């Protein structure tokens, strides 16, 4: 997963300069501690539902002012510091992009990415 390549891919799309004034980028990584109890985490097993991710992205892309959304998730056993989830939301103005970014993050994590931490 390469967040820079994802940004460049979106920038090459026809109409980008005419429709985009803001891009918000997310790069989630494996923490060395658990969110729920701050216990040490040595690895994390990640299983993405890529079809569901695609459905969510295309649905959220229909929101006003949104030009493009792309998301990628790692799969398998990851170590602290490894990338888990990257995504980009490109749109016209921050008032349109920020709420979609926040809703997308919550939906992707809740509906399409399963994680299991190991001590």
N, C-alpha and C. Protein backbone atom coordinates (compact mmCIF):
# COMPACT_ATOMS: atom_id res chain seq x y z
N UNK A 1 0.85 -1.18 0.00
CA UNK A 1 0.00 0.00 0.00
C UNK A 1 0.89 1.23 0.00
N UNK A 2 0.59 2.12 -0.91
CA UNK A 2 1.39 3.34 -1.05
C UNK A 2 0.44 4.54 -1.11
N UNK A 3 0.39 5.29 -0.03
CA UNK A 3 -0.53 6.43 0.05
C UNK A 3 -0.21 7.50 -1.00
N UNK A 4 1.08 7.70 -1.28
CA UNK A 4 1.45 8.69 -2.30
C UNK A 4 0.97 8.27 -3.68
N UNK A 5 1.08 7.00 -4.00
CA UNK A 5 0.60 6.50 -5.29
C UNK A 5 -0.91 6.66 -5.39
N UNK A 6 -1.62 6.44 -4.29
CA UNK A 6 -3.07 6.59 -4.28
C UNK A 6 -3.47 8.04 -4.54
N UNK A 7 -2.77 8.97 -3.92
CA UNK A 7 -3.03 10.40 -4.15
C UNK A 7 -2.77 10.74 -5.62
N UNK A 8 -1.64 10.29 -6.16
CA UNK A 8 -1.30 10.58 -7.55
C UNK A 8 -2.31 9.97 -8.52
N UNK A 9 -2.81 8.79 -8.20
CA UNK A 9 -3.82 8.14 -9.03
C UNK A 9 -5.06 9.02 -9.14
N UNK A 10 -5.50 9.57 -8.02
CA UNK A 10 -6.69 10.43 -8.02
C UNK A 10 -6.41 11.73 -8.78
N UNK A 11 -5.22 12.30 -8.60
CA UNK A 11 -4.88 13.55 -9.28
C UNK A 11 -4.86 13.42 -10.80
N UNK A 12 -4.65 12.22 -11.32
CA UNK A 12 -4.60 12.00 -12.76
C UNK A 12 -5.97 11.85 -13.40
N UNK A 13 -7.01 11.76 -12.60
CA UNK A 13 -8.34 11.56 -13.15
C UNK A 13 -8.84 12.81 -13.86
N UNK A 14 -9.53 12.62 -14.97
CA UNK A 14 -10.10 13.77 -15.67
C UNK A 14 -11.04 14.55 -14.75
N UNK A 15 -10.92 15.87 -14.75
CA UNK A 15 -11.77 16.73 -13.95
C UNK A 15 -11.24 17.04 -12.57
N UNK A 16 -10.10 16.44 -12.22
CA UNK A 16 -9.56 16.65 -10.87
C UNK A 16 -9.38 18.14 -10.56
N UNK A 17 -8.66 18.86 -11.39
CA UNK A 17 -8.36 20.28 -11.10
C UNK A 17 -9.61 21.14 -11.04
N UNK A 18 -10.63 20.74 -11.79
CA UNK A 18 -11.87 21.52 -11.82
C UNK A 18 -12.77 21.26 -10.62
N UNK A 19 -12.56 20.13 -9.93
CA UNK A 19 -13.49 19.73 -8.87
C UNK A 19 -12.89 19.55 -7.48
N UNK A 20 -11.57 19.60 -7.37
CA UNK A 20 -10.95 19.29 -6.09
C UNK A 20 -10.17 20.47 -5.55
N UNK A 21 -10.49 20.83 -4.30
CA UNK A 21 -9.76 21.85 -3.58
C UNK A 21 -9.18 21.33 -2.28
N UNK A 22 -9.50 20.06 -1.96
CA UNK A 22 -9.01 19.47 -0.72
C UNK A 22 -8.98 17.96 -0.84
N UNK A 23 -7.91 17.39 -0.29
CA UNK A 23 -7.81 15.93 -0.18
C UNK A 23 -7.45 15.62 1.27
N UNK A 24 -8.21 14.74 1.87
CA UNK A 24 -7.88 14.28 3.22
C UNK A 24 -7.39 12.86 3.13
N UNK A 25 -6.30 12.57 3.83
CA UNK A 25 -5.62 11.29 3.75
C UNK A 25 -5.61 10.65 5.13
N UNK A 26 -5.87 9.34 5.15
CA UNK A 26 -5.80 8.57 6.39
C UNK A 26 -4.77 7.47 6.20
N UNK A 27 -3.90 7.30 7.19
CA UNK A 27 -2.93 6.21 7.18
C UNK A 27 -2.92 5.60 8.58
N UNK A 28 -3.74 4.58 8.78
CA UNK A 28 -3.82 3.89 10.07
C UNK A 28 -2.73 2.85 10.18
N UNK A 29 -2.08 2.79 11.34
CA UNK A 29 -1.00 1.84 11.58
C UNK A 29 -1.28 1.00 12.82
N UNK A 30 -0.63 -0.13 12.91
CA UNK A 30 -0.75 -1.00 14.08
C UNK A 30 -0.05 -0.32 15.25
N UNK A 31 -0.78 -0.15 16.36
CA UNK A 31 -0.19 0.39 17.59
C UNK A 31 0.49 -0.74 18.36
N UNK A 32 1.46 -0.40 19.17
CA UNK A 32 2.15 -1.39 20.02
C UNK A 32 1.40 -1.60 21.33
N UNK A 33 0.22 -1.01 21.46
CA UNK A 33 -0.60 -1.17 22.65
C UNK A 33 -2.07 -1.21 22.26
N UNK A 34 -2.85 -1.88 23.07
CA UNK A 34 -4.27 -2.03 22.81
C UNK A 34 -5.05 -0.78 23.20
N UNK A 35 -5.96 -0.40 22.36
CA UNK A 35 -6.79 0.77 22.62
C UNK A 35 -7.65 0.59 23.88
N UNK A 36 -8.15 -0.63 24.11
CA UNK A 36 -9.09 -0.83 25.21
C UNK A 36 -8.43 -0.84 26.59
N UNK A 37 -7.21 -1.40 26.70
CA UNK A 37 -6.60 -1.49 28.02
C UNK A 37 -5.11 -1.11 28.07
N UNK A 38 -4.60 -0.63 26.97
CA UNK A 38 -3.20 -0.20 26.85
C UNK A 38 -2.19 -1.32 27.09
N UNK A 39 -2.65 -2.57 26.98
CA UNK A 39 -1.73 -3.71 27.09
C UNK A 39 -0.88 -3.78 25.83
N UNK A 40 0.28 -4.40 25.96
CA UNK A 40 1.20 -4.54 24.84
C UNK A 40 0.57 -5.37 23.71
N UNK A 41 0.81 -4.94 22.47
CA UNK A 41 0.38 -5.67 21.28
C UNK A 41 1.64 -6.01 20.48
N UNK A 42 1.84 -7.30 20.20
CA UNK A 42 3.01 -7.72 19.44
C UNK A 42 2.69 -7.93 17.96
N UNK A 43 1.40 -8.16 17.66
CA UNK A 43 0.98 -8.36 16.28
C UNK A 43 -0.53 -8.17 16.18
N UNK A 44 -1.00 -8.02 14.96
CA UNK A 44 -2.43 -7.86 14.72
C UNK A 44 -2.79 -8.63 13.45
N UNK A 45 -3.86 -9.40 13.53
CA UNK A 45 -4.38 -10.10 12.36
C UNK A 45 -5.48 -9.23 11.77
N UNK A 46 -5.37 -8.93 10.47
CA UNK A 46 -6.32 -8.06 9.79
C UNK A 46 -6.98 -8.82 8.64
N UNK A 47 -8.31 -8.75 8.58
CA UNK A 47 -9.06 -9.37 7.50
C UNK A 47 -10.02 -8.32 6.93
N UNK A 48 -9.68 -7.76 5.77
CA UNK A 48 -10.58 -6.78 5.17
C UNK A 48 -11.63 -7.45 4.28
N UNK A 49 -12.79 -6.86 4.22
CA UNK A 49 -13.82 -7.25 3.26
C UNK A 49 -13.75 -6.21 2.15
N UNK A 50 -12.96 -6.50 1.12
CA UNK A 50 -12.69 -5.52 0.07
C UNK A 50 -13.94 -5.16 -0.73
N UNK A 51 -14.83 -6.12 -0.92
CA UNK A 51 -16.08 -5.82 -1.62
C UNK A 51 -16.90 -4.81 -0.84
N UNK A 52 -16.99 -5.00 0.46
CA UNK A 52 -17.75 -4.06 1.31
C UNK A 52 -17.07 -2.69 1.33
N UNK A 53 -15.73 -2.69 1.37
CA UNK A 53 -15.00 -1.42 1.31
C UNK A 53 -15.36 -0.64 0.05
N UNK A 54 -15.40 -1.36 -1.07
CA UNK A 54 -15.72 -0.72 -2.35
C UNK A 54 -17.14 -0.16 -2.34
N UNK A 55 -18.08 -0.93 -1.82
CA UNK A 55 -19.47 -0.47 -1.75
C UNK A 55 -19.57 0.80 -0.90
N UNK A 56 -18.92 0.81 0.25
CA UNK A 56 -18.94 1.97 1.13
C UNK A 56 -18.33 3.19 0.43
N UNK A 57 -17.19 3.00 -0.21
CA UNK A 57 -16.52 4.11 -0.90
C UNK A 57 -17.41 4.70 -1.99
N UNK A 58 -18.00 3.83 -2.82
CA UNK A 58 -18.84 4.33 -3.92
C UNK A 58 -20.09 5.02 -3.37
N UNK A 59 -20.63 4.51 -2.28
CA UNK A 59 -21.79 5.15 -1.66
C UNK A 59 -21.44 6.54 -1.13
N UNK A 60 -20.32 6.62 -0.42
CA UNK A 60 -19.90 7.90 0.17
C UNK A 60 -19.47 8.91 -0.90
N UNK A 61 -19.03 8.41 -2.04
CA UNK A 61 -18.63 9.28 -3.15
C UNK A 61 -19.81 10.07 -3.71
N UNK A 62 -21.02 9.62 -3.42
CA UNK A 62 -22.22 10.30 -3.92
C UNK A 62 -22.58 11.54 -3.10
N UNK A 63 -21.89 11.78 -2.01
CA UNK A 63 -22.17 12.94 -1.17
C UNK A 63 -21.80 14.22 -1.91
N UNK A 64 -22.49 15.33 -1.63
CA UNK A 64 -22.22 16.59 -2.32
C UNK A 64 -20.76 17.01 -2.21
N UNK A 65 -20.19 17.41 -3.34
CA UNK A 65 -18.84 17.95 -3.38
C UNK A 65 -17.73 16.92 -3.42
N UNK A 66 -18.06 15.64 -3.34
CA UNK A 66 -17.01 14.61 -3.31
C UNK A 66 -16.69 14.17 -4.74
N UNK A 67 -15.41 14.23 -5.08
CA UNK A 67 -14.93 13.87 -6.41
C UNK A 67 -14.50 12.41 -6.47
N UNK A 68 -13.77 11.95 -5.47
CA UNK A 68 -13.27 10.58 -5.49
C UNK A 68 -12.94 10.11 -4.09
N UNK A 69 -13.12 8.82 -3.87
CA UNK A 69 -12.70 8.16 -2.63
C UNK A 69 -12.03 6.85 -3.02
N UNK A 70 -10.86 6.61 -2.45
CA UNK A 70 -10.17 5.34 -2.65
C UNK A 70 -9.66 4.85 -1.30
N UNK A 71 -9.77 3.56 -1.07
CA UNK A 71 -9.33 2.97 0.19
C UNK A 71 -8.63 1.64 -0.08
N UNK A 72 -7.64 1.34 0.75
CA UNK A 72 -6.91 0.08 0.68
C UNK A 72 -6.68 -0.41 2.11
N UNK A 73 -6.71 -1.73 2.29
CA UNK A 73 -6.44 -2.31 3.61
C UNK A 73 -5.46 -3.46 3.44
N UNK A 74 -4.57 -3.58 4.41
CA UNK A 74 -3.64 -4.71 4.45
C UNK A 74 -4.40 -5.94 4.89
N UNK A 75 -3.79 -7.10 4.65
CA UNK A 75 -4.40 -8.36 5.07
C UNK A 75 -3.33 -9.26 5.63
N UNK A 76 -3.68 -9.98 6.70
CA UNK A 76 -2.75 -10.92 7.29
C UNK A 76 -2.27 -10.48 8.65
N UNK A 77 -1.13 -11.02 9.06
CA UNK A 77 -0.56 -10.69 10.36
C UNK A 77 0.41 -9.53 10.21
N UNK A 78 0.13 -8.46 10.93
CA UNK A 78 0.92 -7.23 10.85
C UNK A 78 1.60 -6.97 12.19
N UNK A 79 2.68 -6.20 12.13
CA UNK A 79 3.44 -5.85 13.33
C UNK A 79 3.24 -4.38 13.66
N UNK A 80 3.50 -3.98 14.92
CA UNK A 80 3.39 -2.56 15.27
C UNK A 80 4.19 -1.70 14.29
N UNK A 81 3.54 -0.64 13.84
CA UNK A 81 4.14 0.27 12.87
C UNK A 81 3.72 -0.02 11.44
N UNK A 82 3.20 -1.23 11.17
CA UNK A 82 2.76 -1.56 9.82
C UNK A 82 1.47 -0.81 9.48
N UNK A 83 1.32 -0.48 8.19
CA UNK A 83 0.10 0.16 7.71
C UNK A 83 -1.05 -0.85 7.72
N UNK A 84 -2.21 -0.40 8.21
CA UNK A 84 -3.41 -1.23 8.25
C UNK A 84 -4.41 -0.76 7.20
N UNK A 85 -4.72 0.53 7.22
CA UNK A 85 -5.77 1.08 6.37
C UNK A 85 -5.32 2.44 5.86
N UNK A 86 -5.41 2.62 4.54
CA UNK A 86 -5.17 3.94 3.96
C UNK A 86 -6.39 4.32 3.14
N UNK A 87 -6.70 5.60 3.13
CA UNK A 87 -7.74 6.07 2.22
C UNK A 87 -7.58 7.56 1.97
N UNK A 88 -8.18 7.99 0.85
CA UNK A 88 -8.15 9.38 0.43
C UNK A 88 -9.56 9.80 0.08
N UNK A 89 -9.96 10.96 0.57
CA UNK A 89 -11.23 11.57 0.19
C UNK A 89 -10.88 12.89 -0.49
N UNK A 90 -11.27 13.03 -1.76
CA UNK A 90 -10.99 14.24 -2.54
C UNK A 90 -12.31 14.93 -2.86
N UNK A 91 -12.36 16.23 -2.60
CA UNK A 91 -13.58 16.96 -2.87
C UNK A 91 -13.34 18.44 -3.02
N UNK A 92 -14.43 19.18 -3.11
CA UNK A 92 -14.35 20.59 -3.45
C UNK A 92 -13.91 21.48 -2.28
N UNK A 93 -14.63 21.44 -1.18
CA UNK A 93 -14.33 22.33 -0.05
C UNK A 93 -14.36 21.54 1.26
N UNK A 94 -13.70 22.08 2.28
CA UNK A 94 -13.58 21.34 3.54
C UNK A 94 -14.92 21.04 4.20
N UNK A 95 -15.90 21.93 4.04
CA UNK A 95 -17.21 21.69 4.64
C UNK A 95 -17.88 20.44 4.08
N UNK A 96 -17.52 20.06 2.87
CA UNK A 96 -18.05 18.83 2.27
C UNK A 96 -17.14 17.63 2.54
N UNK A 97 -15.83 17.85 2.54
CA UNK A 97 -14.88 16.74 2.65
C UNK A 97 -14.76 16.22 4.09
N UNK A 98 -14.67 17.10 5.07
CA UNK A 98 -14.44 16.67 6.45
C UNK A 98 -15.50 15.71 7.00
N UNK A 99 -16.79 16.01 6.83
CA UNK A 99 -17.77 15.06 7.39
C UNK A 99 -17.77 13.71 6.67
N UNK A 100 -17.50 13.70 5.38
CA UNK A 100 -17.44 12.45 4.63
C UNK A 100 -16.22 11.64 5.09
N UNK A 101 -15.11 12.31 5.29
CA UNK A 101 -13.89 11.65 5.79
C UNK A 101 -14.17 10.96 7.12
N UNK A 102 -14.79 11.69 8.05
CA UNK A 102 -15.07 11.13 9.38
C UNK A 102 -16.05 9.96 9.30
N UNK A 103 -17.10 10.11 8.52
CA UNK A 103 -18.09 9.03 8.38
C UNK A 103 -17.47 7.82 7.69
N UNK A 104 -16.64 8.05 6.68
CA UNK A 104 -15.99 6.96 5.97
C UNK A 104 -15.07 6.17 6.91
N UNK A 105 -14.29 6.86 7.69
CA UNK A 105 -13.38 6.20 8.64
C UNK A 105 -14.18 5.29 9.58
N UNK A 106 -15.23 5.82 10.16
CA UNK A 106 -16.04 5.04 11.09
C UNK A 106 -16.68 3.83 10.40
N UNK A 107 -17.20 4.03 9.19
CA UNK A 107 -17.87 2.92 8.50
C UNK A 107 -16.88 1.85 8.06
N UNK A 108 -15.76 2.25 7.49
CA UNK A 108 -14.78 1.26 7.05
C UNK A 108 -14.32 0.40 8.21
N UNK A 109 -14.00 1.04 9.33
CA UNK A 109 -13.51 0.30 10.49
C UNK A 109 -14.60 -0.60 11.09
N UNK A 110 -15.83 -0.13 11.12
CA UNK A 110 -16.92 -0.89 11.74
C UNK A 110 -17.48 -1.98 10.83
N UNK A 111 -17.49 -1.74 9.52
CA UNK A 111 -18.23 -2.62 8.61
C UNK A 111 -17.36 -3.47 7.69
N UNK A 112 -16.07 -3.12 7.54
CA UNK A 112 -15.33 -3.84 6.49
C UNK A 112 -13.93 -4.31 6.88
N UNK A 113 -13.47 -4.01 8.07
CA UNK A 113 -12.13 -4.45 8.48
C UNK A 113 -12.24 -5.11 9.85
N UNK A 114 -11.84 -6.39 9.93
CA UNK A 114 -11.82 -7.13 11.18
C UNK A 114 -10.39 -7.22 11.66
N UNK A 115 -10.17 -6.91 12.94
CA UNK A 115 -8.82 -6.94 13.50
C UNK A 115 -8.81 -7.77 14.79
N UNK A 116 -7.72 -8.50 14.99
CA UNK A 116 -7.52 -9.25 16.23
C UNK A 116 -6.11 -8.97 16.69
N UNK A 117 -5.99 -8.45 17.91
CA UNK A 117 -4.68 -8.13 18.48
C UNK A 117 -4.10 -9.34 19.22
N UNK A 118 -2.77 -9.43 19.22
CA UNK A 118 -2.06 -10.48 19.95
C UNK A 118 -1.06 -9.84 20.90
N UNK A 119 -1.01 -10.33 22.13
CA UNK A 119 -0.09 -9.79 23.14
C UNK A 119 1.33 -10.23 22.84
